[in-house]
Protein backbone atom coordinates (compact mmCIF):
# COMPACT_ATOMS: atom_id res chain seq x y z
CA UNK A 1 -111.86 -70.62 -250.37
CA UNK A 2 -110.24 -71.95 -247.18
CA UNK A 3 -110.95 -75.53 -248.26
CA UNK A 4 -109.45 -74.95 -251.73
CA UNK A 5 -106.34 -73.38 -250.19
CA UNK A 6 -105.95 -76.28 -247.79
CA UNK A 7 -106.21 -78.86 -250.56
CA UNK A 8 -103.75 -77.09 -252.85
CA UNK A 9 -101.21 -76.71 -250.05
CA UNK A 10 -101.54 -80.37 -249.15
CA UNK A 11 -101.44 -81.75 -252.69
CA UNK A 12 -100.06 -79.33 -255.33
CA UNK A 13 -100.91 -79.76 -258.99
CA UNK A 14 -97.23 -80.37 -259.84
CA UNK A 15 -95.74 -82.47 -257.05
CA UNK A 16 -92.16 -81.49 -256.23
CA UNK A 17 -91.40 -84.79 -254.55
CA UNK A 18 -91.01 -88.00 -256.59
CA UNK A 19 -92.93 -89.88 -253.91
CA UNK A 20 -96.07 -87.81 -254.48
CA UNK A 21 -95.84 -88.38 -258.21
CA UNK A 22 -96.33 -92.12 -257.60
CA UNK A 23 -99.87 -91.65 -256.23
CA UNK A 24 -102.33 -93.14 -258.73
CA UNK A 25 -104.42 -90.70 -260.71
CA UNK A 26 -107.54 -92.42 -259.37
CA UNK A 27 -106.92 -91.18 -255.88
CA UNK A 28 -105.98 -87.70 -257.11
CA UNK A 29 -109.29 -87.42 -258.95
CA UNK A 30 -111.04 -88.71 -255.86
CA UNK A 31 -109.27 -86.14 -253.71
CA UNK A 32 -110.12 -83.19 -255.98
CA UNK A 33 -113.69 -84.39 -256.34
CA UNK A 34 -114.20 -84.17 -252.60
CA UNK A 35 -112.83 -80.70 -252.04
CA UNK A 36 -116.20 -79.00 -252.57
CA UNK A 37 -118.04 -81.51 -250.49
CA UNK A 38 -119.43 -80.73 -247.02
CA UNK A 39 -117.60 -83.76 -245.70
CA UNK A 40 -114.24 -82.35 -246.84
CA UNK A 41 -112.53 -82.62 -243.44
CA UNK A 42 -113.64 -86.21 -242.87
CA UNK A 43 -112.58 -87.24 -246.37
CA UNK A 44 -109.19 -85.58 -245.91
CA UNK A 45 -108.52 -87.41 -242.66
CA UNK A 46 -109.47 -90.75 -244.20
CA UNK A 47 -107.14 -90.07 -247.11
CA UNK A 48 -104.25 -89.27 -244.76
CA UNK A 49 -104.83 -92.32 -242.60
CA UNK A 50 -104.98 -94.49 -245.73
CA UNK A 51 -101.48 -93.46 -246.80
CA UNK A 52 -100.06 -93.39 -243.25
CA UNK A 53 -98.96 -89.79 -243.67
CA UNK A 54 -100.24 -88.89 -240.23
CA UNK A 55 -99.44 -91.29 -237.40
CA UNK A 56 -99.70 -90.91 -233.68
CA UNK A 57 -95.94 -91.15 -233.07
CA UNK A 58 -93.60 -89.30 -230.74
CA UNK A 59 -89.85 -89.15 -231.35
CA UNK A 60 -86.96 -87.57 -229.46
CA UNK A 61 -83.55 -86.49 -230.70
CA UNK A 62 -80.78 -84.56 -228.98
CA UNK A 63 -78.98 -81.36 -229.90
CA UNK A 64 -77.18 -78.58 -228.02
CA UNK A 65 -77.21 -74.81 -227.60
CA UNK A 66 -74.83 -72.09 -226.44
CA UNK A 67 -75.00 -69.71 -223.51
CA UNK A 68 -71.94 -67.50 -223.26
CA UNK A 69 -69.10 -69.87 -224.18
CA UNK A 70 -70.64 -72.97 -222.58
CA UNK A 71 -72.89 -75.52 -224.22
CA UNK A 72 -76.06 -77.12 -222.87
CA UNK A 73 -77.98 -80.18 -224.04
CA UNK A 74 -81.34 -79.68 -225.76
CA UNK A 75 -83.98 -82.40 -226.11
CA UNK A 76 -85.77 -82.05 -229.46
CA UNK A 77 -89.20 -83.67 -228.99
CA UNK A 78 -91.33 -84.17 -232.11
CA UNK A 79 -95.03 -85.06 -232.05
CA UNK A 80 -97.17 -85.61 -235.18
CA UNK A 81 -100.88 -86.05 -234.62
CA UNK A 82 -104.14 -85.88 -236.57
CA UNK A 83 -105.49 -82.49 -237.50
CA UNK A 84 -105.27 -79.74 -240.04
CA UNK A 85 -101.72 -78.94 -241.17
CA UNK A 86 -99.90 -76.92 -238.53
CA UNK A 87 -96.19 -76.74 -237.77
CA UNK A 88 -95.06 -75.04 -234.55
CA UNK A 89 -91.80 -74.87 -232.56
CA UNK A 90 -91.97 -74.15 -228.83
CA UNK A 91 -89.35 -73.92 -226.09
CA UNK A 92 -88.24 -70.26 -226.16
CA UNK A 93 -86.83 -70.20 -229.72
CA UNK A 94 -85.34 -67.05 -231.26
CA UNK A 95 -86.10 -65.78 -234.77
CA UNK A 96 -83.50 -68.03 -236.44
CA UNK A 97 -85.03 -71.11 -234.81
CA UNK A 98 -88.56 -70.09 -235.78
CA UNK A 99 -87.49 -69.56 -239.39
CA UNK A 100 -86.15 -73.11 -239.45
CA UNK A 101 -89.70 -74.31 -240.16
CA UNK A 102 -89.41 -73.20 -243.78
CA UNK A 103 -85.84 -74.47 -244.13
CA UNK A 104 -86.75 -77.88 -242.74
CA UNK A 105 -89.90 -78.16 -244.87
CA UNK A 106 -88.06 -77.40 -248.12
CA UNK A 107 -85.06 -79.57 -247.20
CA UNK A 108 -87.29 -82.60 -246.52
CA UNK A 109 -89.19 -82.21 -249.80
CA UNK A 110 -86.09 -81.55 -251.91
CA UNK A 111 -84.36 -84.58 -250.38
CA UNK A 112 -86.98 -86.97 -251.78
CA UNK A 113 -89.10 -87.37 -248.65
CA UNK A 114 -92.72 -86.42 -247.91
CA UNK A 115 -93.37 -83.64 -245.46
CA UNK A 116 -96.07 -85.01 -243.11
CA UNK A 117 -99.57 -83.60 -243.39
CA UNK A 118 -100.90 -83.06 -239.91
CA UNK A 119 -100.32 -81.23 -236.68
CA UNK A 120 -96.56 -81.10 -236.00
CA UNK A 121 -95.28 -79.86 -232.66
CA UNK A 122 -91.56 -79.56 -231.91
CA UNK A 123 -90.52 -78.84 -228.34
CA UNK A 124 -87.00 -77.71 -227.44
CA UNK A 125 -86.34 -78.59 -223.81
CA UNK A 126 -85.40 -77.16 -221.35
CA UNK A 127 -88.01 -74.55 -222.18
CA UNK A 128 -86.65 -71.85 -219.85
CA UNK A 129 -83.35 -71.44 -221.76
CA UNK A 130 -83.18 -69.35 -224.91
CA UNK A 131 -82.45 -71.33 -228.10
CA UNK A 132 -80.38 -69.31 -230.54
CA UNK A 133 -79.13 -70.04 -234.05
CA UNK A 134 -79.81 -72.53 -236.86
CA UNK A 135 -78.02 -75.50 -235.27
CA UNK A 136 -81.38 -77.19 -234.52
CA UNK A 137 -82.37 -77.67 -238.19
CA UNK A 138 -80.86 -81.17 -238.48
CA UNK A 139 -82.34 -82.66 -235.26
CA UNK A 140 -85.76 -81.19 -236.08
CA UNK A 141 -85.74 -82.67 -239.59
CA UNK A 142 -84.52 -86.03 -238.28
CA UNK A 143 -87.27 -86.06 -235.66
CA UNK A 144 -89.99 -85.30 -238.21
CA UNK A 145 -88.85 -88.01 -240.63
CA UNK A 146 -88.48 -90.56 -237.83
CA UNK A 147 -91.87 -89.71 -236.33
CA UNK A 148 -93.56 -90.08 -239.74
CA UNK A 149 -91.93 -93.52 -240.20
CA UNK A 150 -90.04 -92.50 -243.35
CA UNK A 151 -86.77 -93.81 -241.94
CA UNK A 152 -85.50 -95.67 -238.90
CA UNK A 153 -82.62 -94.17 -236.93
CA UNK A 154 -82.44 -96.76 -234.18
CA UNK A 155 -81.28 -95.83 -230.70
CA UNK A 156 -80.16 -92.18 -230.72
CA UNK A 157 -79.99 -91.67 -226.95
CA UNK A 158 -76.21 -91.15 -227.01
CA UNK A 159 -76.01 -89.28 -230.34
CA UNK A 160 -76.01 -85.51 -230.73
CA UNK A 161 -77.24 -83.85 -233.95
CA UNK A 162 -76.01 -80.36 -234.90
CA UNK A 163 -76.32 -78.60 -238.24
CA UNK A 164 -78.04 -75.99 -240.37
CA UNK A 165 -80.01 -77.15 -243.41
CA UNK A 166 -80.09 -75.42 -246.77
CA UNK A 167 -83.23 -75.63 -248.90
CA UNK A 168 -81.80 -78.46 -251.02
CA UNK A 169 -80.93 -80.62 -248.01
CA UNK A 170 -77.20 -79.86 -247.79
CA UNK A 171 -75.71 -79.02 -244.40
CA UNK A 172 -74.03 -75.73 -243.58
CA UNK A 173 -71.51 -75.12 -240.77
CA UNK A 174 -72.58 -73.58 -237.48
CA UNK A 175 -70.70 -71.82 -234.70
CA UNK A 176 -70.11 -73.09 -231.18
CA UNK A 177 -69.61 -76.77 -232.08
CA UNK A 178 -66.72 -77.39 -229.69
CA UNK A 179 -68.49 -76.07 -226.53
CA UNK A 180 -71.49 -78.23 -227.45
CA UNK A 181 -69.28 -81.28 -227.99
CA UNK A 182 -67.45 -80.79 -224.69
CA UNK A 183 -70.74 -80.55 -222.80
CA UNK A 184 -72.11 -83.61 -224.64
CA UNK A 185 -69.05 -85.63 -223.66
CA UNK A 186 -69.51 -84.54 -220.05
CA UNK A 187 -73.18 -85.62 -220.17
CA UNK A 188 -72.32 -89.12 -221.40
CA UNK A 189 -72.92 -88.83 -225.15
CA UNK A 190 -70.62 -90.87 -227.39
CA UNK A 191 -71.46 -89.85 -230.97
CA UNK A 192 -71.73 -86.47 -232.69
CA UNK A 193 -73.14 -85.72 -236.15
CA UNK A 194 -72.08 -82.33 -237.54
CA UNK A 195 -71.61 -80.66 -240.95
CA UNK A 196 -68.38 -81.73 -242.59
CA UNK A 197 -66.91 -78.20 -242.22
CA UNK A 198 -67.19 -78.53 -238.42
CA UNK A 199 -65.72 -82.04 -238.21
CA UNK A 200 -62.14 -80.94 -237.49
CA UNK A 201 -63.21 -78.65 -234.67
CA UNK A 202 -65.55 -81.25 -233.18
CA UNK A 203 -62.79 -83.88 -233.27
CA UNK A 204 -60.96 -81.96 -230.51
CA UNK A 205 -63.51 -83.43 -228.11
CA UNK A 206 -63.63 -87.05 -226.95
CA UNK A 207 -66.69 -87.96 -229.06
CA UNK A 208 -66.88 -90.09 -232.20
CA UNK A 209 -67.52 -87.48 -234.89
CA UNK A 210 -69.50 -88.26 -238.06
CA UNK A 211 -69.39 -85.52 -240.73
CA UNK A 212 -72.63 -85.18 -242.71
CA UNK A 213 -72.95 -83.62 -246.16
CA UNK A 214 -76.64 -84.14 -247.06
CA UNK A 215 -79.80 -84.99 -245.18
CA UNK A 216 -80.30 -88.18 -247.23
CA UNK A 217 -77.07 -89.64 -245.86
CA UNK A 218 -78.15 -89.59 -242.20
CA UNK A 219 -79.74 -93.09 -241.88
CA UNK A 220 -76.58 -94.82 -243.17
CA UNK A 221 -74.03 -92.46 -241.65
CA UNK A 222 -73.60 -94.17 -238.27
CA UNK A 223 -72.85 -97.49 -239.96
CA UNK A 224 -69.55 -96.14 -241.28
CA UNK A 225 -66.33 -95.27 -239.43
CA UNK A 226 -66.08 -92.01 -237.47
CA UNK A 227 -63.97 -89.05 -238.50
CA UNK A 228 -60.33 -89.19 -237.37
CA UNK A 229 -58.07 -86.17 -237.17
CA UNK A 230 -54.41 -85.77 -236.31
CA UNK A 231 -53.79 -83.64 -233.24
CA UNK A 232 -51.38 -80.86 -234.23
CA UNK A 233 -48.19 -80.31 -232.21
CA UNK A 234 -48.61 -77.50 -229.69
CA UNK A 235 -45.63 -75.46 -230.87
CA UNK A 236 -46.38 -71.83 -231.65
CA UNK A 237 -44.79 -70.69 -234.94
CA UNK A 238 -42.66 -67.55 -234.81
CA UNK A 239 -43.92 -64.75 -237.03
CA UNK A 240 -42.24 -61.73 -235.38
CA UNK A 241 -38.71 -62.46 -234.15
CA UNK A 242 -36.81 -60.45 -231.57
CA UNK A 243 -33.78 -60.71 -233.84
CA UNK A 244 -35.47 -58.20 -236.16
CA UNK A 245 -35.59 -55.56 -233.43
CA UNK A 246 -32.33 -53.61 -233.09
CA UNK A 247 -31.45 -51.91 -229.85
CA UNK A 248 -33.98 -51.43 -227.02
CA UNK A 249 -32.25 -54.03 -224.85
CA UNK A 250 -34.00 -52.80 -221.70
CA UNK A 251 -37.44 -53.14 -223.30
CA UNK A 252 -36.59 -56.64 -224.51
CA UNK A 253 -35.48 -57.63 -221.03
CA UNK A 254 -38.79 -56.29 -219.68
CA UNK A 255 -40.74 -58.41 -222.17
CA UNK A 256 -38.74 -61.50 -221.23
CA UNK A 257 -39.64 -60.98 -217.58
CA UNK A 258 -43.26 -60.31 -218.54
CA UNK A 259 -43.46 -63.55 -220.59
CA UNK A 260 -41.85 -65.60 -217.80
CA UNK A 261 -44.25 -64.44 -215.07
CA UNK A 262 -47.27 -63.24 -217.13
CA UNK A 263 -46.83 -59.62 -216.01
CA UNK A 264 -48.55 -56.63 -217.61
CA UNK A 265 -46.34 -54.09 -219.42
CA UNK A 266 -46.74 -50.41 -220.29
CA UNK A 267 -44.44 -48.87 -222.92
CA UNK A 268 -43.92 -45.11 -222.93
CA UNK A 269 -41.97 -43.27 -225.59
CA UNK A 270 -42.05 -41.07 -228.69
CA UNK A 271 -43.41 -42.28 -232.04
CA UNK A 272 -41.32 -44.65 -234.14
CA UNK A 273 -39.16 -46.16 -231.40
CA UNK A 274 -40.48 -49.73 -231.80
CA UNK A 275 -43.22 -50.03 -229.18
CA UNK A 276 -45.68 -51.75 -231.53
CA UNK A 277 -43.02 -54.07 -232.95
CA UNK A 278 -41.92 -55.08 -229.46
CA UNK A 279 -45.48 -55.90 -228.44
CA UNK A 280 -46.12 -57.86 -231.67
CA UNK A 281 -43.02 -59.99 -230.99
CA UNK A 282 -44.09 -60.97 -227.48
CA UNK A 283 -46.06 -64.13 -228.51
CA UNK A 284 -42.87 -65.53 -230.07
CA UNK A 285 -41.25 -65.93 -226.64
CA UNK A 286 -44.30 -67.10 -224.67
CA UNK A 287 -44.34 -70.79 -223.67
CA UNK A 288 -46.44 -73.07 -225.91
CA UNK A 289 -50.05 -73.69 -225.01
CA UNK A 290 -50.97 -76.85 -223.16
CA UNK A 291 -53.70 -79.10 -224.56
CA UNK A 292 -56.22 -77.80 -222.03
CA UNK A 293 -55.37 -74.17 -222.74
CA UNK A 294 -55.65 -74.73 -226.48
CA UNK A 295 -59.12 -76.27 -226.04
CA UNK A 296 -60.20 -73.22 -224.03
CA UNK A 297 -58.96 -70.87 -226.77
CA UNK A 298 -60.75 -72.78 -229.54
CA UNK A 299 -63.87 -72.94 -227.38
CA UNK A 300 -63.91 -69.15 -227.00
CA UNK A 301 -63.40 -68.48 -230.71
CA UNK A 302 -65.97 -71.11 -231.70
CA UNK A 303 -68.68 -69.60 -229.50
CA UNK A 304 -67.88 -66.13 -230.86
CA UNK A 305 -68.04 -67.29 -234.47
CA UNK A 306 -64.43 -66.24 -235.11
CA UNK A 307 -62.04 -68.12 -237.38
CA UNK A 308 -58.97 -69.70 -235.83
CA UNK A 309 -56.41 -72.02 -237.48
CA UNK A 310 -57.07 -75.23 -235.53
CA UNK A 311 -54.19 -77.08 -237.20
CA UNK A 312 -51.68 -74.38 -236.11
CA UNK A 313 -52.00 -73.65 -232.38
CA UNK A 314 -50.95 -70.10 -231.57
CA UNK A 315 -51.52 -67.82 -228.62
CA UNK A 316 -54.11 -65.17 -229.46
CA UNK A 317 -52.86 -61.65 -230.12
CA UNK A 318 -55.62 -59.03 -230.07
CA UNK A 319 -55.08 -55.37 -230.88
CA UNK A 320 -58.44 -53.52 -230.89
CA UNK A 321 -58.83 -50.00 -232.25
CA UNK A 322 -59.15 -47.17 -229.75
CA UNK A 323 -62.72 -46.48 -230.93
CA UNK A 324 -63.93 -49.79 -229.45
CA UNK A 325 -67.06 -49.71 -227.28
CA UNK A 326 -67.52 -51.13 -223.82
CA UNK A 327 -69.47 -54.12 -225.16
CA UNK A 328 -66.80 -54.76 -227.77
CA UNK A 329 -64.09 -54.85 -225.09
CA UNK A 330 -65.72 -56.91 -222.32
CA UNK A 331 -68.51 -58.59 -224.31
CA UNK A 332 -72.29 -58.29 -224.25
CA UNK A 333 -75.26 -57.87 -226.57
CA UNK A 334 -78.79 -59.28 -226.61
CA UNK A 335 -77.25 -62.74 -226.79
CA UNK A 336 -73.97 -62.13 -224.89
CA UNK A 337 -70.87 -62.79 -226.98
CA UNK A 338 -67.22 -62.67 -225.86
CA UNK A 339 -65.38 -59.36 -226.20
CA UNK A 340 -61.74 -58.61 -226.91
CA UNK A 341 -60.70 -59.43 -223.33
CA UNK A 342 -62.02 -62.96 -223.70
CA UNK A 343 -60.73 -63.36 -227.25
CA UNK A 344 -57.26 -62.65 -225.83
CA UNK A 345 -57.65 -65.50 -223.30
CA UNK A 346 -54.26 -67.24 -222.76
CA UNK A 347 -52.72 -64.69 -225.12
CA UNK A 348 -51.80 -61.04 -225.46
CA UNK A 349 -54.07 -57.97 -225.46
CA UNK A 350 -52.26 -55.01 -226.98
CA UNK A 351 -53.75 -51.54 -226.51
CA UNK A 352 -51.77 -49.31 -228.85
CA UNK A 353 -52.03 -45.60 -228.03
CA UNK A 354 -53.79 -46.51 -224.81
CA UNK A 355 -54.47 -42.90 -223.87
CA UNK A 356 -56.63 -42.52 -226.99
CA UNK A 357 -59.14 -45.01 -225.56
CA UNK A 358 -62.10 -43.50 -223.67
CA UNK A 359 -61.47 -43.36 -219.94
CA UNK A 360 -64.64 -45.27 -219.05
CA UNK A 361 -63.64 -48.09 -221.43
CA UNK A 362 -60.15 -48.37 -219.93
CA UNK A 363 -61.53 -48.54 -216.41
CA UNK A 364 -63.41 -51.70 -217.37
CA UNK A 365 -60.03 -53.46 -217.36
CA UNK A 366 -59.51 -53.09 -213.62
CA UNK A 367 -61.67 -55.97 -212.41
CA UNK A 368 -60.69 -58.54 -215.14
CA UNK A 369 -56.99 -57.85 -214.51
CA UNK A 370 -57.45 -58.95 -210.90
CA UNK A 371 -60.02 -61.76 -211.21
CA UNK A 372 -59.03 -63.09 -214.65
CA UNK A 373 -62.77 -63.41 -215.40
CA UNK A 374 -65.63 -61.19 -216.57
CA UNK A 375 -69.09 -61.37 -215.03
CA UNK A 376 -71.92 -59.95 -217.17
CA UNK A 377 -75.13 -59.60 -215.19
CA UNK A 378 -78.33 -59.37 -217.21
CA UNK A 379 -81.97 -59.38 -216.22
CA UNK A 380 -82.49 -63.08 -216.96
CA UNK A 381 -79.02 -64.55 -216.59
CA UNK A 382 -75.44 -64.09 -215.48
CA UNK A 383 -72.72 -64.91 -218.02
CA UNK A 384 -69.12 -65.59 -217.04
CA UNK A 385 -66.30 -65.24 -219.58
CA UNK A 386 -62.64 -66.22 -219.00
CA UNK A 387 -60.14 -63.37 -219.37
CA UNK A 388 -56.63 -64.57 -218.52
CA UNK A 389 -54.53 -62.37 -220.79
CA UNK A 390 -51.24 -60.51 -220.72
CA UNK A 391 -51.90 -56.79 -221.16
CA UNK A 392 -49.47 -54.65 -223.17
CA UNK A 393 -50.09 -50.91 -223.42
CA UNK A 394 -48.21 -48.25 -225.33
CA UNK A 395 -48.50 -44.50 -225.08
CA UNK A 396 -46.76 -41.30 -226.07
CA UNK A 397 -45.58 -38.81 -223.44
CA UNK A 398 -47.98 -36.19 -224.86
CA UNK A 399 -50.54 -35.85 -227.69
CA UNK A 400 -47.87 -34.93 -230.27
CA UNK A 401 -45.44 -37.49 -228.84
CA UNK A 402 -42.33 -35.31 -228.52
CA UNK A 403 -42.52 -34.05 -224.95
CA UNK A 404 -39.03 -34.08 -223.41
CA UNK A 405 -37.19 -33.94 -226.76
CA UNK A 406 -34.49 -31.29 -227.25
CA UNK A 407 -35.92 -28.28 -229.07
CA UNK A 408 -33.30 -28.52 -231.80
CA UNK A 409 -34.41 -32.09 -232.62
CA UNK A 410 -38.19 -31.98 -232.35
CA UNK A 411 -40.15 -29.40 -230.46
CA UNK A 412 -43.28 -30.28 -228.51
CA UNK A 413 -46.20 -27.99 -229.36
CA UNK A 414 -48.63 -29.33 -226.73
CA UNK A 415 -49.93 -27.07 -223.98
CA UNK A 416 -49.63 -28.12 -220.35
CA UNK A 417 -53.40 -28.52 -220.02
CA UNK A 418 -53.49 -30.77 -223.08
CA UNK A 419 -50.71 -32.96 -221.70
CA UNK A 420 -52.45 -33.34 -218.34
CA UNK A 421 -55.79 -34.12 -219.99
CA UNK A 422 -54.09 -36.70 -222.21
CA UNK A 423 -52.40 -38.50 -219.30
CA UNK A 424 -55.46 -38.45 -217.06
CA UNK A 425 -57.23 -40.88 -219.39
CA UNK A 426 -55.05 -43.54 -217.81
CA UNK A 427 -56.31 -43.58 -214.23
CA UNK A 428 -54.06 -44.19 -211.24
CA UNK A 429 -55.65 -47.53 -210.24
CA UNK A 430 -55.23 -48.86 -213.79
CA UNK A 431 -51.66 -47.58 -214.05
CA UNK A 432 -50.88 -49.33 -210.77
CA UNK A 433 -51.92 -52.66 -212.32
CA UNK A 434 -49.07 -52.55 -214.85
CA UNK A 435 -46.29 -54.59 -213.22
CA UNK A 436 -43.70 -53.28 -215.65
CA UNK A 437 -43.61 -49.67 -216.83
CA UNK A 438 -40.72 -49.10 -219.17
CA UNK A 439 -39.53 -46.23 -221.32
CA UNK A 440 -38.74 -46.91 -224.99
CA UNK A 441 -36.51 -43.98 -226.04
CA UNK A 442 -35.14 -43.01 -229.42
CA UNK A 443 -31.84 -44.75 -230.19
CA UNK A 444 -29.08 -42.14 -229.77
CA UNK A 445 -26.48 -43.75 -232.08
CA UNK A 446 -26.57 -45.47 -235.45
CA UNK A 447 -24.50 -48.39 -234.16
CA UNK A 448 -27.47 -49.83 -232.28
CA UNK A 449 -29.40 -50.18 -235.54
CA UNK A 450 -26.80 -52.57 -236.97
CA UNK A 451 -26.06 -54.66 -233.86
CA UNK A 452 -27.13 -58.30 -234.19
CA UNK A 453 -29.88 -59.03 -231.64
CA UNK A 454 -30.74 -62.26 -229.80
CA UNK A 455 -33.45 -64.31 -231.48
CA UNK A 456 -36.76 -65.38 -229.97
CA UNK A 457 -35.87 -69.08 -229.70
CA UNK A 458 -33.09 -68.47 -227.20
CA UNK A 459 -35.24 -66.13 -225.15
CA UNK A 460 -38.11 -68.63 -225.19
CA UNK A 461 -35.84 -71.33 -223.75
CA UNK A 462 -35.20 -69.20 -220.65
CA UNK A 463 -38.89 -68.35 -220.41
CA UNK A 464 -39.91 -72.02 -220.60
CA UNK A 465 -37.38 -72.94 -217.90
CA UNK A 466 -38.91 -70.31 -215.61
CA UNK A 467 -42.39 -71.49 -216.53
CA UNK A 468 -41.55 -75.08 -215.53
CA UNK A 469 -40.37 -73.85 -212.13
CA UNK A 470 -43.69 -72.06 -211.61
CA UNK A 471 -45.63 -75.08 -212.84
CA UNK A 472 -44.02 -77.23 -210.16
CA UNK A 473 -44.49 -74.50 -207.54
CA UNK A 474 -48.24 -74.12 -208.15
CA UNK A 475 -49.11 -77.74 -208.97
CA UNK A 476 -51.60 -77.92 -206.07
CA UNK A 477 -53.05 -74.45 -206.66
CA UNK A 478 -55.25 -72.81 -209.32
CA UNK A 479 -52.48 -70.21 -209.73
CA UNK A 480 -50.53 -70.65 -212.97
CA UNK A 481 -47.95 -67.84 -212.94
CA UNK A 482 -46.17 -65.56 -210.50
CA UNK A 483 -48.32 -62.58 -211.51
CA UNK A 484 -51.41 -64.42 -210.22
CA UNK A 485 -50.12 -65.24 -206.74
CA UNK A 486 -52.43 -64.59 -203.81
CA UNK A 487 -51.21 -62.75 -200.68
CA UNK A 488 -50.84 -66.11 -198.91
CA UNK A 489 -48.71 -67.48 -201.75
CA UNK A 490 -46.62 -64.31 -201.78
CA UNK A 491 -45.76 -64.85 -198.13
CA UNK A 492 -45.02 -68.51 -198.80
CA UNK A 493 -42.88 -68.29 -201.94
CA UNK A 494 -41.35 -64.80 -201.90
CA UNK A 495 -38.63 -65.21 -199.27
CA UNK A 496 -36.17 -62.30 -199.19
CA UNK A 497 -32.59 -62.07 -198.07
CA UNK A 498 -31.79 -59.60 -195.28
CA UNK A 499 -30.35 -56.98 -197.66
CA UNK A 500 -33.27 -57.39 -200.07
CA UNK A 501 -35.78 -56.90 -197.26
CA UNK A 502 -34.02 -53.73 -196.09
CA UNK A 503 -33.92 -52.33 -199.64
CA UNK A 504 -37.61 -52.99 -200.18
CA UNK A 505 -38.48 -51.27 -196.90
CA UNK A 506 -36.49 -48.18 -197.88
CA UNK A 507 -38.06 -47.99 -201.35
CA UNK A 508 -41.58 -48.50 -199.98
CA UNK A 509 -41.24 -45.60 -197.51
CA UNK A 510 -39.40 -43.22 -199.84
CA UNK A 511 -41.69 -43.69 -202.88
CA UNK A 512 -44.89 -43.96 -200.77
CA UNK A 513 -46.05 -47.07 -202.58
CA UNK A 514 -49.43 -48.69 -202.23
CA UNK A 515 -49.95 -52.20 -200.89
CA UNK A 516 -50.69 -53.35 -204.42
CA UNK A 517 -47.40 -51.93 -205.66
CA UNK A 518 -45.58 -53.68 -202.82
CA UNK A 519 -47.11 -57.03 -203.77
CA UNK A 520 -46.39 -56.53 -207.45
CA UNK A 521 -42.74 -55.76 -206.74
CA UNK A 522 -42.50 -59.05 -204.83
CA UNK A 523 -44.14 -60.93 -207.73
CA UNK A 524 -41.73 -59.33 -210.20
CA UNK A 525 -38.76 -60.16 -207.98
CA UNK A 526 -39.96 -63.78 -207.74
CA UNK A 527 -39.99 -64.02 -211.54
CA UNK A 528 -36.53 -62.45 -211.80
CA UNK A 529 -35.19 -64.95 -209.28
CA UNK A 530 -36.71 -67.81 -211.30
CA UNK A 531 -34.99 -66.55 -214.44
CA UNK A 532 -31.71 -66.38 -212.53
CA UNK A 533 -32.23 -69.85 -211.04
CA UNK A 534 -32.40 -68.69 -207.41
CA UNK A 535 -34.74 -69.89 -204.69
CA UNK A 536 -34.26 -66.86 -202.43
CA UNK A 537 -34.88 -63.34 -203.70
CA UNK A 538 -31.74 -61.23 -203.51
CA UNK A 539 -31.08 -57.52 -203.46
CA UNK A 540 -30.42 -57.49 -207.22
CA UNK A 541 -33.90 -58.84 -208.06
CA UNK A 542 -35.58 -56.30 -205.76
CA UNK A 543 -33.58 -53.46 -207.35
CA UNK A 544 -34.52 -54.48 -210.89
CA UNK A 545 -38.17 -54.96 -209.93
CA UNK A 546 -38.31 -51.50 -208.33
CA UNK A 547 -36.77 -50.03 -211.46
CA UNK A 548 -39.68 -51.40 -213.53
CA UNK A 549 -42.22 -49.84 -211.16
CA UNK A 550 -40.99 -46.24 -210.97
CA UNK A 551 -41.25 -45.03 -214.57
CA UNK A 552 -44.62 -43.36 -214.00
CA UNK A 553 -43.05 -41.19 -211.29
CA UNK A 554 -39.79 -40.43 -213.12
CA UNK A 555 -41.14 -39.97 -216.64
CA UNK A 556 -44.86 -39.22 -216.68
CA UNK A 557 -44.66 -36.68 -213.90
């Protein structure tokens, strides 16, 4: 029985490949006549050597994998030697990579080629790094066909192969192409072969990209011209305009300051006063992304498998639900993926109804808000994710939202214990990390609902002017905005007038502020001075900055 099974698996009665159908009937009769013979193994080997199906050939191709949001180069080594049919993949592959054996086998046969009969060993090096996903299907198939002398690929030392194979030989898109392409360019590769759906994303790198539709097209693909794409202009389209928000001039001013210096904002107010609409309009006044920032954003979304309009660069705006888990917020999993903090990189993270989030989830924000990065330590590896985002939070003054309202308008039915329990979800250290804490009250008069407001384009012009000042200020430093200044930079760039220094001293002693609050007031004042076009911080900037930092004492308590 084992010999019959081996023969039928090696030479089926109805060959699926046209190449097998060309074998003369004489040899097929000879083959089936020998299957009950004692010399079956020797006859089988002679038959394979006769048709050059098994050759002692080694071939190497190159692919790439993903760890976190960074790519790494993988050497795909293929060896076909004499022996009974066996196909194995080594090099710490996951389940998706192991299952590629069946995908590759069917794709080769259905593409008109012969799957080699012999001992096939595929090694994915480096062997100590986990290989995840179906992106290795194409380099494995190319290595098998090249090693069995069914096609000649030439010199592939500077070419990277990435793609998932379907059973009919067509290529399917994979995730993480841009991080792989960036790493390949850094390692000296010049050409990249990817599925056609990934060609636009891969073209953001510096490699020559060749989109591939079917496995049969690979030998002739590199003889044609590479894929060319048009780099889109880095101008963020405006979807939510400040002109559509009536009233709330103080909250709009706070968002302008936040956009200019990348400061975190906390809105507090009753339901229906426009907190969510204000936060949704913030990306419309942020400065456009630079080319490097846009590549980082696409790299994050590509590694996470998220869709992003590559032809329309926009700053990310993430608004997770309050039922989100810790892993969903900061990232994680068996194969660590970016969380919402990283998906908001170079954009806005909006936590609506922030006091509805679990306290232990909110406290995870404290370290990324300071370091602008997330470090995930696992047993085998340490993953680092970027997390430079502008945090916007909104909350009600109590669970029902009407605490402080006149009883004849709307009465608050919350008990004192409920209010305290609700507010304690936002810890003091986290509250202290909000540079701007502003109240968004109900509009007292109907006139404010009909007043024509300033549009986002005019506000963005002032924000961009302030941003250019900061860009010149921090050109020799990793700091990008006033909110990220170090204590040394605060002492260097935050020079106060005599009256401003006296005012800050009085406020610090009277309000019993922390050192962090003191530094954040100076950062805010620096941004206000930039918006006003002043080099030295005056008493007016200190007064406005202090006003943004005292809401938690005047309102929440």
